[in-house]
Amino acid sequence: RAVQNTFGDGCYYSGYDKIVPTIHAYETVANGGIWEDGDIRRNESIRY
């Protein structure tokens, strides 16, 4: 929604935050999450 309010509906990653990842699902292992260094699935799955 912050993106939508800033750039409008024409930004392809704007929206309304109906669902977001949990901290566990987006953080690194070092920070208590699941992601290991070098795993390319991380940046394909989640926008940072």
All heavy atoms as atom14 arrays in JSON, in Angstrom:
{
  "sequence": "RAVQNTFGDGCYYSGYDKIVPTIHAYETVANGGIWEDGDIRRNESIRY",
  "atom14_mask": [
    [1, 1, 1, 1, 1, 1, 1, 1, 1, 1, 1, 0, 0, 0],
    [1, 1, 1, 1, 1, 0, 0, 0, 0, 0, 0, 0, 0, 0],
    [1, 1, 1, 1, 1, 1, 1, 0, 0, 0, 0, 0, 0, 0],
    [1, 1, 1, 1, 1, 1, 1, 1, 1, 0, 0, 0, 0, 0],
    [1, 1, 1, 1, 1, 1, 1, 1, 0, 0, 0, 0, 0, 0],
    [1, 1, 1, 1, 1, 1, 1, 0, 0, 0, 0, 0, 0, 0],
    [1, 1, 1, 1, 1, 1, 1, 1, 1, 1, 1, 0, 0, 0],
    [1, 1, 1, 1, 0, 0, 0, 0, 0, 0, 0, 0, 0, 0],
    [1, 1, 1, 1, 1, 1, 1, 1, 0, 0, 0, 0, 0, 0],
    [1, 1, 1, 1, 0, 0, 0, 0, 0, 0, 0, 0, 0, 0],
    [1, 1, 1, 1, 1, 1, 0, 0, 0, 0, 0, 0, 0, 0],
    [1, 1, 1, 1, 1, 1, 1, 1, 1, 1, 1, 1, 0, 0],
    [1, 1, 1, 1, 1, 1, 1, 1, 1, 1, 1, 1, 0, 0],
    [1, 1, 1, 1, 1, 1, 0, 0, 0, 0, 0, 0, 0, 0],
    [1, 1, 1, 1, 0, 0, 0, 0, 0, 0, 0, 0, 0, 0],
    [1, 1, 1, 1, 1, 1, 1, 1, 1, 1, 1, 1, 0, 0],
    [1, 1, 1, 1, 1, 1, 1, 1, 0, 0, 0, 0, 0, 0],
    [1, 1, 1, 1, 1, 1, 1, 1, 1, 0, 0, 0, 0, 0],
    [1, 1, 1, 1, 1, 1, 1, 1, 0, 0, 0, 0, 0, 0],
    [1, 1, 1, 1, 1, 1, 1, 0, 0, 0, 0, 0, 0, 0],
    [1, 1, 1, 1, 1, 1, 1, 0, 0, 0, 0, 0, 0, 0],
    [1, 1, 1, 1, 1, 1, 1, 0, 0, 0, 0, 0, 0, 0],
    [1, 1, 1, 1, 1, 1, 1, 1, 0, 0, 0, 0, 0, 0],
    [1, 1, 1, 1, 1, 1, 1, 1, 1, 1, 0, 0, 0, 0],
    [1, 1, 1, 1, 1, 0, 0, 0, 0, 0, 0, 0, 0, 0],
    [1, 1, 1, 1, 1, 1, 1, 1, 1, 1, 1, 1, 0, 0],
    [1, 1, 1, 1, 1, 1, 1, 1, 1, 0, 0, 0, 0, 0],
    [1, 1, 1, 1, 1, 1, 1, 0, 0, 0, 0, 0, 0, 0],
    [1, 1, 1, 1, 1, 1, 1, 0, 0, 0, 0, 0, 0, 0],
    [1, 1, 1, 1, 1, 0, 0, 0, 0, 0, 0, 0, 0, 0],
    [1, 1, 1, 1, 1, 1, 1, 1, 0, 0, 0, 0, 0, 0],
    [1, 1, 1, 1, 0, 0, 0, 0, 0, 0, 0, 0, 0, 0],
    [1, 1, 1, 1, 0, 0, 0, 0, 0, 0, 0, 0, 0, 0],
    [1, 1, 1, 1, 1, 1, 1, 1, 0, 0, 0, 0, 0, 0],
    [1, 1, 1, 1, 1, 1, 1, 1, 1, 1, 1, 1, 1, 1],
    [1, 1, 1, 1, 1, 1, 1, 1, 1, 0, 0, 0, 0, 0],
    [1, 1, 1, 1, 1, 1, 1, 1, 0, 0, 0, 0, 0, 0],
    [1, 1, 1, 1, 0, 0, 0, 0, 0, 0, 0, 0, 0, 0],
    [1, 1, 1, 1, 1, 1, 1, 1, 0, 0, 0, 0, 0, 0],
    [1, 1, 1, 1, 1, 1, 1, 1, 0, 0, 0, 0, 0, 0],
    [1, 1, 1, 1, 1, 1, 1, 1, 1, 1, 1, 0, 0, 0],
    [1, 1, 1, 1, 1, 1, 1, 1, 1, 1, 1, 0, 0, 0],
    [1, 1, 1, 1, 1, 1, 1, 1, 0, 0, 0, 0, 0, 0],
    [1, 1, 1, 1, 1, 1, 1, 1, 1, 0, 0, 0, 0, 0],
    [1, 1, 1, 1, 1, 1, 0, 0, 0, 0, 0, 0, 0, 0],
    [1, 1, 1, 1, 1, 1, 1, 1, 0, 0, 0, 0, 0, 0],
    [1, 1, 1, 1, 1, 1, 1, 1, 1, 1, 1, 0, 0, 0],
    [1, 1, 1, 1, 1, 1, 1, 1, 1, 1, 1, 1, 0, 0]
  ],
  "atom14_positions": [
    [[0.82, -1.2, 0.0], [0.0, 0.0, 0.0], [0.86, 1.26, 0.0], [0.47, 2.29, -0.56], [-0.93, -0.01, 1.21], [-2.0, -1.08, 1.11], [-2.87, -1.19, 2.36], [-3.5, 0.07, 2.68], [-3.07, 0.92, 3.61], [-2.0, 0.61, 4.32], [-3.7, 2.04, 3.84], [0.0, 0.0, 0.0], [0.0, 0.0, 0.0], [0.0, 0.0, 0.0]],
    [[2.02, 1.2, 0.65], [2.91, 2.36, 0.62], [3.38, 2.62, -0.81], [3.48, 3.77, -1.25], [4.11, 2.13, 1.54], [0.0, 0.0, 0.0], [0.0, 0.0, 0.0], [0.0, 0.0, 0.0], [0.0, 0.0, 0.0], [0.0, 0.0, 0.0], [0.0, 0.0, 0.0], [0.0, 0.0, 0.0], [0.0, 0.0, 0.0], [0.0, 0.0, 0.0]],
    [[3.63, 1.55, -1.55], [4.02, 1.68, -2.95], [2.84, 2.21, -3.76], [2.98, 3.12, -4.59], [4.5, 0.32, -3.5], [4.68, 0.39, -5.01], [5.8, -0.09, -2.83], [0.0, 0.0, 0.0], [0.0, 0.0, 0.0], [0.0, 0.0, 0.0], [0.0, 0.0, 0.0], [0.0, 0.0, 0.0], [0.0, 0.0, 0.0], [0.0, 0.0, 0.0]],
    [[1.65, 1.67, -3.51], [0.47, 2.12, -4.24], [0.19, 3.6, -3.98], [-0.1, 4.36, -4.91], [-0.74, 1.26, -3.86], [-1.95, 1.43, -4.76], [-2.77, 2.67, -4.44], [-2.78, 3.14, -3.3], [-3.45, 3.2, -5.43], [0.0, 0.0, 0.0], [0.0, 0.0, 0.0], [0.0, 0.0, 0.0], [0.0, 0.0, 0.0], [0.0, 0.0, 0.0]],
    [[0.29, 4.02, -2.73], [0.02, 5.41, -2.4], [1.08, 6.35, -2.96], [0.81, 7.53, -3.17], [-0.08, 5.58, -0.88], [-1.45, 5.23, -0.34], [-2.31, 6.08, -0.21], [-1.66, 3.96, -0.05], [0.0, 0.0, 0.0], [0.0, 0.0, 0.0], [0.0, 0.0, 0.0], [0.0, 0.0, 0.0], [0.0, 0.0, 0.0], [0.0, 0.0, 0.0]],
    [[2.27, 5.83, -3.2], [3.36, 6.65, -3.73], [3.37, 6.68, -5.25], [3.48, 7.75, -5.86], [4.72, 6.13, -3.23], [4.73, 6.09, -1.8], [5.86, 7.02, -3.71], [0.0, 0.0, 0.0], [0.0, 0.0, 0.0], [0.0, 0.0, 0.0], [0.0, 0.0, 0.0], [0.0, 0.0, 0.0], [0.0, 0.0, 0.0], [0.0, 0.0, 0.0]],
    [[3.22, 5.51, -5.87], [3.39, 5.42, -7.32], [2.09, 5.12, -8.08], [2.06, 5.18, -9.31], [4.42, 4.33, -7.66], [5.75, 4.53, -6.98], [6.23, 3.59, -6.07], [6.52, 5.65, -7.24], [7.44, 3.77, -5.44], [7.75, 5.84, -6.61], [8.21, 4.9, -5.7], [0.0, 0.0, 0.0], [0.0, 0.0, 0.0], [0.0, 0.0, 0.0]],
    [[1.04, 4.75, -7.36], [-0.24, 4.48, -8.01], [-0.39, 3.03, -8.43], [0.5, 2.2, -8.26], [0.0, 0.0, 0.0], [0.0, 0.0, 0.0], [0.0, 0.0, 0.0], [0.0, 0.0, 0.0], [0.0, 0.0, 0.0], [0.0, 0.0, 0.0], [0.0, 0.0, 0.0], [0.0, 0.0, 0.0], [0.0, 0.0, 0.0], [0.0, 0.0, 0.0]],
    [[-1.56, 2.73, -9.0], [-1.89, 1.37, -9.42], [-1.03, 0.88, -10.57], [-0.97, -0.33, -10.84], [-3.36, 1.28, -9.84], [-4.31, 1.51, -8.69], [-3.88, 1.37, -7.53], [-5.49, 1.84, -8.95], [0.0, 0.0, 0.0], [0.0, 0.0, 0.0], [0.0, 0.0, 0.0], [0.0, 0.0, 0.0], [0.0, 0.0, 0.0], [0.0, 0.0, 0.0]],
    [[-0.38, 1.79, -11.27], [0.42, 1.41, -12.43], [1.79, 0.88, -12.1], [2.56, 0.55, -13.0], [0.0, 0.0, 0.0], [0.0, 0.0, 0.0], [0.0, 0.0, 0.0], [0.0, 0.0, 0.0], [0.0, 0.0, 0.0], [0.0, 0.0, 0.0], [0.0, 0.0, 0.0], [0.0, 0.0, 0.0], [0.0, 0.0, 0.0], [0.0, 0.0, 0.0]],
    [[2.13, 0.79, -10.83], [3.36, 0.11, -10.4], [3.03, -1.35, -10.17], [2.13, -1.67, -9.38], [3.93, 0.74, -9.14], [5.33, -0.17, -8.44], [0.0, 0.0, 0.0], [0.0, 0.0, 0.0], [0.0, 0.0, 0.0], [0.0, 0.0, 0.0], [0.0, 0.0, 0.0], [0.0, 0.0, 0.0], [0.0, 0.0, 0.0], [0.0, 0.0, 0.0]],
    [[3.76, -2.23, -10.81], [3.36, -3.63, -10.83], [3.52, -4.34, -9.49], [3.03, -5.46, -9.33], [4.11, -4.4, -11.91], [5.58, -4.64, -11.67], [6.05, -5.88, -11.27], [6.52, -3.63, -11.87], [7.4, -6.12, -11.07], [7.87, -3.84, -11.68], [8.31, -5.08, -11.27], [9.65, -5.31, -11.07], [0.0, 0.0, 0.0], [0.0, 0.0, 0.0]],
    [[4.16, -3.71, -8.51], [4.21, -4.35, -7.19], [3.49, -3.54, -6.13], [3.71, -3.71, -4.94], [5.64, -4.73, -6.76], [6.72, -3.69, -6.89], [6.92, -2.75, -5.89], [7.57, -3.68, -7.99], [7.95, -1.82, -5.98], [8.6, -2.76, -8.1], [8.78, -1.82, -7.1], [9.8, -0.91, -7.19], [0.0, 0.0, 0.0], [0.0, 0.0, 0.0]],
    [[2.6, -2.68, -6.55], [1.71, -2.04, -5.59], [0.56, -2.98, -5.26], [0.35, -3.99, -5.93], [1.18, -0.71, -6.14], [0.35, -0.93, -7.27], [0.0, 0.0, 0.0], [0.0, 0.0, 0.0], [0.0, 0.0, 0.0], [0.0, 0.0, 0.0], [0.0, 0.0, 0.0], [0.0, 0.0, 0.0], [0.0, 0.0, 0.0], [0.0, 0.0, 0.0]],
    [[-0.18, -2.65, -4.22], [-1.28, -3.51, -3.79], [-1.8, -3.07, -2.43], [-1.64, -1.89, -2.06], [0.0, 0.0, 0.0], [0.0, 0.0, 0.0], [0.0, 0.0, 0.0], [0.0, 0.0, 0.0], [0.0, 0.0, 0.0], [0.0, 0.0, 0.0], [0.0, 0.0, 0.0], [0.0, 0.0, 0.0], [0.0, 0.0, 0.0], [0.0, 0.0, 0.0]],
    [[-2.35, -4.0, -1.66], [-3.02, -3.6, -0.42], [-2.69, -4.49, 0.78], [-3.45, -4.58, 1.72], [-4.53, -3.5, -0.65], [-4.85, -2.29, -1.49], [-4.89, -2.39, -2.88], [-5.03, -1.04, -0.91], [-5.12, -1.27, -3.67], [-5.26, 0.08, -1.69], [-5.31, -0.03, -3.07], [-5.52, 1.08, -3.85], [0.0, 0.0, 0.0], [0.0, 0.0, 0.0]],
    [[-1.55, -5.14, 0.76], [-1.02, -5.83, 1.94], [-2.01, -6.81, 2.55], [-2.05, -6.99, 3.76], [-0.61, -4.82, 3.03], [0.21, -3.67, 2.5], [1.33, -3.9, 2.06], [-0.3, -2.53, 2.52], [0.0, 0.0, 0.0], [0.0, 0.0, 0.0], [0.0, 0.0, 0.0], [0.0, 0.0, 0.0], [0.0, 0.0, 0.0], [0.0, 0.0, 0.0]],
    [[-2.82, -7.47, 1.73], [-3.8, -8.41, 2.29], [-3.1, -9.59, 2.94], [-3.55, -10.1, 3.97], [-4.77, -8.88, 1.19], [-5.62, -7.77, 0.58], [-6.59, -7.2, 1.56], [-7.5, -6.16, 0.91], [-8.49, -6.78, 0.01], [0.0, 0.0, 0.0], [0.0, 0.0, 0.0], [0.0, 0.0, 0.0], [0.0, 0.0, 0.0], [0.0, 0.0, 0.0]],
    [[-2.03, -10.06, 2.34], [-1.17, -11.04, 3.02], [0.29, -10.62, 2.83], [0.67, -10.06, 1.8], [-1.35, -12.49, 2.54], [-1.0, -12.64, 1.05], [-2.73, -13.01, 2.85], [-0.78, -14.07, 0.64], [0.0, 0.0, 0.0], [0.0, 0.0, 0.0], [0.0, 0.0, 0.0], [0.0, 0.0, 0.0], [0.0, 0.0, 0.0], [0.0, 0.0, 0.0]],
    [[1.09, -10.87, 3.85], [2.53, -10.59, 3.82], [3.25, -11.79, 4.45], [2.65, -12.56, 5.2], [2.87, -9.3, 4.59], [2.24, -8.09, 3.93], [2.44, -9.41, 6.06], [0.0, 0.0, 0.0], [0.0, 0.0, 0.0], [0.0, 0.0, 0.0], [0.0, 0.0, 0.0], [0.0, 0.0, 0.0], [0.0, 0.0, 0.0], [0.0, 0.0, 0.0]],
    [[4.54, -11.96, 4.16], [5.29, -13.06, 4.79], [5.44, -12.84, 6.29], [5.52, -11.7, 6.76], [6.65, -13.0, 4.09], [6.47, -12.13, 2.89], [5.37, -11.18, 3.23], [0.0, 0.0, 0.0], [0.0, 0.0, 0.0], [0.0, 0.0, 0.0], [0.0, 0.0, 0.0], [0.0, 0.0, 0.0], [0.0, 0.0, 0.0], [0.0, 0.0, 0.0]],
    [[5.47, -13.92, 7.03], [5.86, -13.82, 8.43], [7.36, -13.54, 8.5], [8.1, -13.76, 7.53], [5.56, -15.12, 9.19], [6.35, -16.19, 8.62], [4.08, -15.48, 9.11], [0.0, 0.0, 0.0], [0.0, 0.0, 0.0], [0.0, 0.0, 0.0], [0.0, 0.0, 0.0], [0.0, 0.0, 0.0], [0.0, 0.0, 0.0], [0.0, 0.0, 0.0]],
    [[7.81, -13.06, 9.65], [9.25, -12.81, 9.82], [10.04, -14.09, 9.58], [11.08, -14.08, 8.92], [9.53, -12.26, 11.23], [8.9, -10.87, 11.39], [11.04, -12.19, 11.5], [9.01, -10.3, 12.8], [0.0, 0.0, 0.0], [0.0, 0.0, 0.0], [0.0, 0.0, 0.0], [0.0, 0.0, 0.0], [0.0, 0.0, 0.0], [0.0, 0.0, 0.0]],
    [[9.56, -15.19, 10.09], [10.23, -16.47, 9.92], [10.39, -16.81, 8.44], [11.42, -17.38, 8.04], [9.43, -17.57, 10.62], [10.04, -18.93, 10.55], [11.21, -19.26, 11.2], [9.62, -20.06, 9.92], [11.51, -20.53, 10.97], [10.57, -21.04, 10.21], [0.0, 0.0, 0.0], [0.0, 0.0, 0.0], [0.0, 0.0, 0.0], [0.0, 0.0, 0.0]],
    [[9.4, -16.45, 7.63], [9.42, -16.8, 6.21], [10.26, -15.86, 5.36], [10.58, -16.19, 4.22], [8.0, -16.86, 5.66], [0.0, 0.0, 0.0], [0.0, 0.0, 0.0], [0.0, 0.0, 0.0], [0.0, 0.0, 0.0], [0.0, 0.0, 0.0], [0.0, 0.0, 0.0], [0.0, 0.0, 0.0], [0.0, 0.0, 0.0], [0.0, 0.0, 0.0]],
    [[10.61, -14.68, 5.88], [11.43, -13.78, 5.06], [12.83, -13.52, 5.61], [13.69, -13.03, 4.89], [10.71, -12.46, 4.78], [10.58, -11.46, 5.91], [11.69, -10.78, 6.43], [9.33, -11.13, 6.42], [11.55, -9.84, 7.44], [9.18, -10.17, 7.43], [10.29, -9.54, 7.93], [10.16, -8.59, 8.93], [0.0, 0.0, 0.0], [0.0, 0.0, 0.0]],
    [[13.09, -13.89, 6.86], [14.39, -13.58, 7.44], [15.43, -14.66, 7.13], [15.1, -15.78, 6.75], [14.29, -13.41, 8.96], [14.04, -11.98, 9.4], [15.24, -11.06, 9.13], [16.26, -11.5, 8.56], [15.13, -9.87, 9.48], [0.0, 0.0, 0.0], [0.0, 0.0, 0.0], [0.0, 0.0, 0.0], [0.0, 0.0, 0.0], [0.0, 0.0, 0.0]],
    [[16.69, -14.3, 7.35], [17.8, -15.24, 7.19], [17.87, -16.16, 8.41], [17.32, -15.86, 9.47], [19.12, -14.5, 7.05], [19.37, -13.75, 8.25], [19.09, -13.54, 5.85], [0.0, 0.0, 0.0], [0.0, 0.0, 0.0], [0.0, 0.0, 0.0], [0.0, 0.0, 0.0], [0.0, 0.0, 0.0], [0.0, 0.0, 0.0], [0.0, 0.0, 0.0]],
    [[18.59, -17.24, 8.25], [18.8, -18.16, 9.36], [19.48, -17.43, 10.53], [19.12, -17.62, 11.7], [19.65, -19.37, 8.92], [20.06, -20.22, 10.12], [18.88, -20.21, 7.9], [0.0, 0.0, 0.0], [0.0, 0.0, 0.0], [0.0, 0.0, 0.0], [0.0, 0.0, 0.0], [0.0, 0.0, 0.0], [0.0, 0.0, 0.0], [0.0, 0.0, 0.0]],
    [[20.42, -16.57, 10.2], [21.14, -15.83, 11.24], [20.2, -14.96, 12.08], [20.48, -14.69, 13.25], [22.23, -14.97, 10.61], [0.0, 0.0, 0.0], [0.0, 0.0, 0.0], [0.0, 0.0, 0.0], [0.0, 0.0, 0.0], [0.0, 0.0, 0.0], [0.0, 0.0, 0.0], [0.0, 0.0, 0.0], [0.0, 0.0, 0.0], [0.0, 0.0, 0.0]],
    [[19.1, -14.54, 11.46], [18.15, -13.66, 12.15], [16.88, -14.4, 12.56], [15.83, -13.79, 12.79], [17.79, -12.47, 11.27], [18.94, -11.51, 11.11], [19.75, -11.33, 12.01], [19.05, -10.89, 9.94], [0.0, 0.0, 0.0], [0.0, 0.0, 0.0], [0.0, 0.0, 0.0], [0.0, 0.0, 0.0], [0.0, 0.0, 0.0], [0.0, 0.0, 0.0]],
    [[16.96, -15.73, 12.65], [15.84, -16.51, 13.13], [14.87, -16.97, 12.07], [13.79, -17.51, 12.39], [0.0, 0.0, 0.0], [0.0, 0.0, 0.0], [0.0, 0.0, 0.0], [0.0, 0.0, 0.0], [0.0, 0.0, 0.0], [0.0, 0.0, 0.0], [0.0, 0.0, 0.0], [0.0, 0.0, 0.0], [0.0, 0.0, 0.0], [0.0, 0.0, 0.0]],
    [[15.23, -16.79, 10.81], [14.35, -17.19, 9.72], [14.82, -18.46, 9.04], [15.57, -19.25, 9.61], [0.0, 0.0, 0.0], [0.0, 0.0, 0.0], [0.0, 0.0, 0.0], [0.0, 0.0, 0.0], [0.0, 0.0, 0.0], [0.0, 0.0, 0.0], [0.0, 0.0, 0.0], [0.0, 0.0, 0.0], [0.0, 0.0, 0.0], [0.0, 0.0, 0.0]],
    [[14.41, -18.64, 7.79], [14.68, -19.9, 7.09], [15.72, -19.79, 5.98], [16.18, -20.82, 5.48], [13.38, -20.46, 6.46], [12.81, -19.47, 5.44], [12.37, -20.79, 7.54], [11.67, -20.04, 4.61], [0.0, 0.0, 0.0], [0.0, 0.0, 0.0], [0.0, 0.0, 0.0], [0.0, 0.0, 0.0], [0.0, 0.0, 0.0], [0.0, 0.0, 0.0]],
    [[16.1, -18.56, 5.6], [16.88, -18.43, 4.37], [18.38, -18.51, 4.61], [18.93, -17.84, 5.48], [16.54, -17.11, 3.68], [15.12, -17.11, 3.18], [14.07, -16.44, 3.7], [14.63, -17.87, 2.08], [12.92, -16.72, 2.99], [13.24, -17.59, 1.99], [15.2, -18.74, 1.15], [12.42, -18.17, 1.01], [14.39, -19.31, 0.18], [13.02, -19.03, 0.11]],
    [[19.02, -19.36, 3.79], [20.46, -19.57, 3.85], [21.14, -18.75, 2.75], [20.55, -18.49, 1.7], [20.77, -21.06, 3.64], [20.07, -21.97, 4.63], [19.96, -23.39, 4.12], [19.03, -23.68, 3.34], [20.81, -24.21, 4.5], [0.0, 0.0, 0.0], [0.0, 0.0, 0.0], [0.0, 0.0, 0.0], [0.0, 0.0, 0.0], [0.0, 0.0, 0.0]],
    [[22.36, -18.36, 2.99], [23.09, -17.56, 2.02], [23.17, -18.29, 0.68], [23.51, -19.48, 0.62], [24.51, -17.27, 2.52], [24.52, -16.35, 3.73], [23.5, -15.67, 3.97], [25.55, -16.31, 4.44], [0.0, 0.0, 0.0], [0.0, 0.0, 0.0], [0.0, 0.0, 0.0], [0.0, 0.0, 0.0], [0.0, 0.0, 0.0], [0.0, 0.0, 0.0]],
    [[22.87, -17.57, -0.38], [23.02, -18.12, -1.72], [21.79, -18.81, -2.29], [21.8, -19.18, -3.47], [0.0, 0.0, 0.0], [0.0, 0.0, 0.0], [0.0, 0.0, 0.0], [0.0, 0.0, 0.0], [0.0, 0.0, 0.0], [0.0, 0.0, 0.0], [0.0, 0.0, 0.0], [0.0, 0.0, 0.0], [0.0, 0.0, 0.0], [0.0, 0.0, 0.0]],
    [[20.74, -18.96, -1.51], [19.53, -19.64, -1.99], [18.76, -18.69, -2.91], [18.2, -17.69, -2.45], [18.66, -20.05, -0.8], [17.51, -20.98, -1.19], [17.05, -20.91, -2.34], [17.06, -21.75, -0.33], [0.0, 0.0, 0.0], [0.0, 0.0, 0.0], [0.0, 0.0, 0.0], [0.0, 0.0, 0.0], [0.0, 0.0, 0.0], [0.0, 0.0, 0.0]],
    [[18.73, -18.98, -4.21], [18.12, -18.07, -5.17], [16.59, -18.02, -5.04], [15.96, -17.09, -5.56], [18.49, -18.44, -6.62], [17.93, -19.82, -6.99], [20.0, -18.39, -6.81], [18.2, -20.2, -8.44], [0.0, 0.0, 0.0], [0.0, 0.0, 0.0], [0.0, 0.0, 0.0], [0.0, 0.0, 0.0], [0.0, 0.0, 0.0], [0.0, 0.0, 0.0]],
    [[16.02, -18.97, -4.34], [14.57, -18.96, -4.17], [14.11, -17.76, -3.35], [12.96, -17.3, -3.49], [14.11, -20.27, -3.51], [14.36, -21.49, -4.36], [14.05, -22.79, -3.61], [14.94, -22.99, -2.47], [14.98, -24.11, -1.76], [14.19, -25.13, -2.06], [15.81, -24.24, -0.74], [0.0, 0.0, 0.0], [0.0, 0.0, 0.0], [0.0, 0.0, 0.0]],
    [[15.0, -17.26, -2.51], [14.62, -16.17, -1.61], [14.16, -14.94, -2.38], [13.07, -14.41, -2.16], [15.8, -15.82, -0.7], [15.49, -14.73, 0.3], [16.75, -14.3, 1.06], [16.44, -13.33, 2.1], [17.33, -12.57, 2.68], [18.62, -12.66, 2.33], [16.98, -11.7, 3.62], [0.0, 0.0, 0.0], [0.0, 0.0, 0.0], [0.0, 0.0, 0.0]],
    [[14.99, -14.46, -3.29], [14.65, -13.23, -4.01], [13.67, -13.45, -5.15], [13.12, -12.48, -5.69], [15.92, -12.56, -4.52], [16.7, -11.9, -3.4], [16.13, -11.24, -2.55], [18.01, -12.11, -3.4], [0.0, 0.0, 0.0], [0.0, 0.0, 0.0], [0.0, 0.0, 0.0], [0.0, 0.0, 0.0], [0.0, 0.0, 0.0], [0.0, 0.0, 0.0]],
    [[13.44, -14.69, -5.53], [12.37, -14.98, -6.49], [11.01, -15.02, -5.79], [9.98, -14.74, -6.41], [12.61, -16.32, -7.19], [13.8, -16.33, -8.13], [13.61, -15.43, -9.33], [12.45, -15.17, -9.72], [14.63, -14.95, -9.87], [0.0, 0.0, 0.0], [0.0, 0.0, 0.0], [0.0, 0.0, 0.0], [0.0, 0.0, 0.0], [0.0, 0.0, 0.0]],
    [[11.02, -15.34, -4.53], [9.77, -15.54, -3.79], [9.3, -14.28, -3.06], [8.1, -14.08, -2.88], [9.95, -16.67, -2.77], [10.29, -17.88, -3.4], [0.0, 0.0, 0.0], [0.0, 0.0, 0.0], [0.0, 0.0, 0.0], [0.0, 0.0, 0.0], [0.0, 0.0, 0.0], [0.0, 0.0, 0.0], [0.0, 0.0, 0.0], [0.0, 0.0, 0.0]],
    [[10.25, -13.47, -2.6], [9.92, -12.38, -1.68], [10.57, -11.08, -2.15], [11.74, -11.06, -2.53], [10.4, -12.73, -0.26], [9.7, -14.01, 0.22], [10.13, -11.58, 0.71], [10.22, -14.56, 1.52], [0.0, 0.0, 0.0], [0.0, 0.0, 0.0], [0.0, 0.0, 0.0], [0.0, 0.0, 0.0], [0.0, 0.0, 0.0], [0.0, 0.0, 0.0]],
    [[9.78, -10.0, -2.12], [10.31, -8.68, -2.47], [10.81, -7.98, -1.21], [10.08, -7.83, -0.23], [9.24, -7.82, -3.15], [9.69, -6.37, -3.37], [8.79, -5.6, -4.29], [8.88, -6.11, -5.66], [9.87, -5.83, -6.51], [10.87, -5.04, -6.14], [9.86, -6.33, -7.74], [0.0, 0.0, 0.0], [0.0, 0.0, 0.0], [0.0, 0.0, 0.0]],
    [[12.08, -7.55, -1.28], [12.69, -6.84, -0.17], [12.9, -5.36, -0.5], [12.93, -4.52, 0.39], [14.04, -7.46, 0.19], [13.93, -8.86, 0.74], [13.92, -9.98, -0.1], [13.82, -9.09, 2.1], [13.82, -11.26, 0.4], [13.71, -10.38, 2.62], [13.71, -11.46, 1.75], [13.61, -12.74, 2.26], [0.0, 0.0, 0.0], [0.0, 0.0, 0.0]]
  ]
}
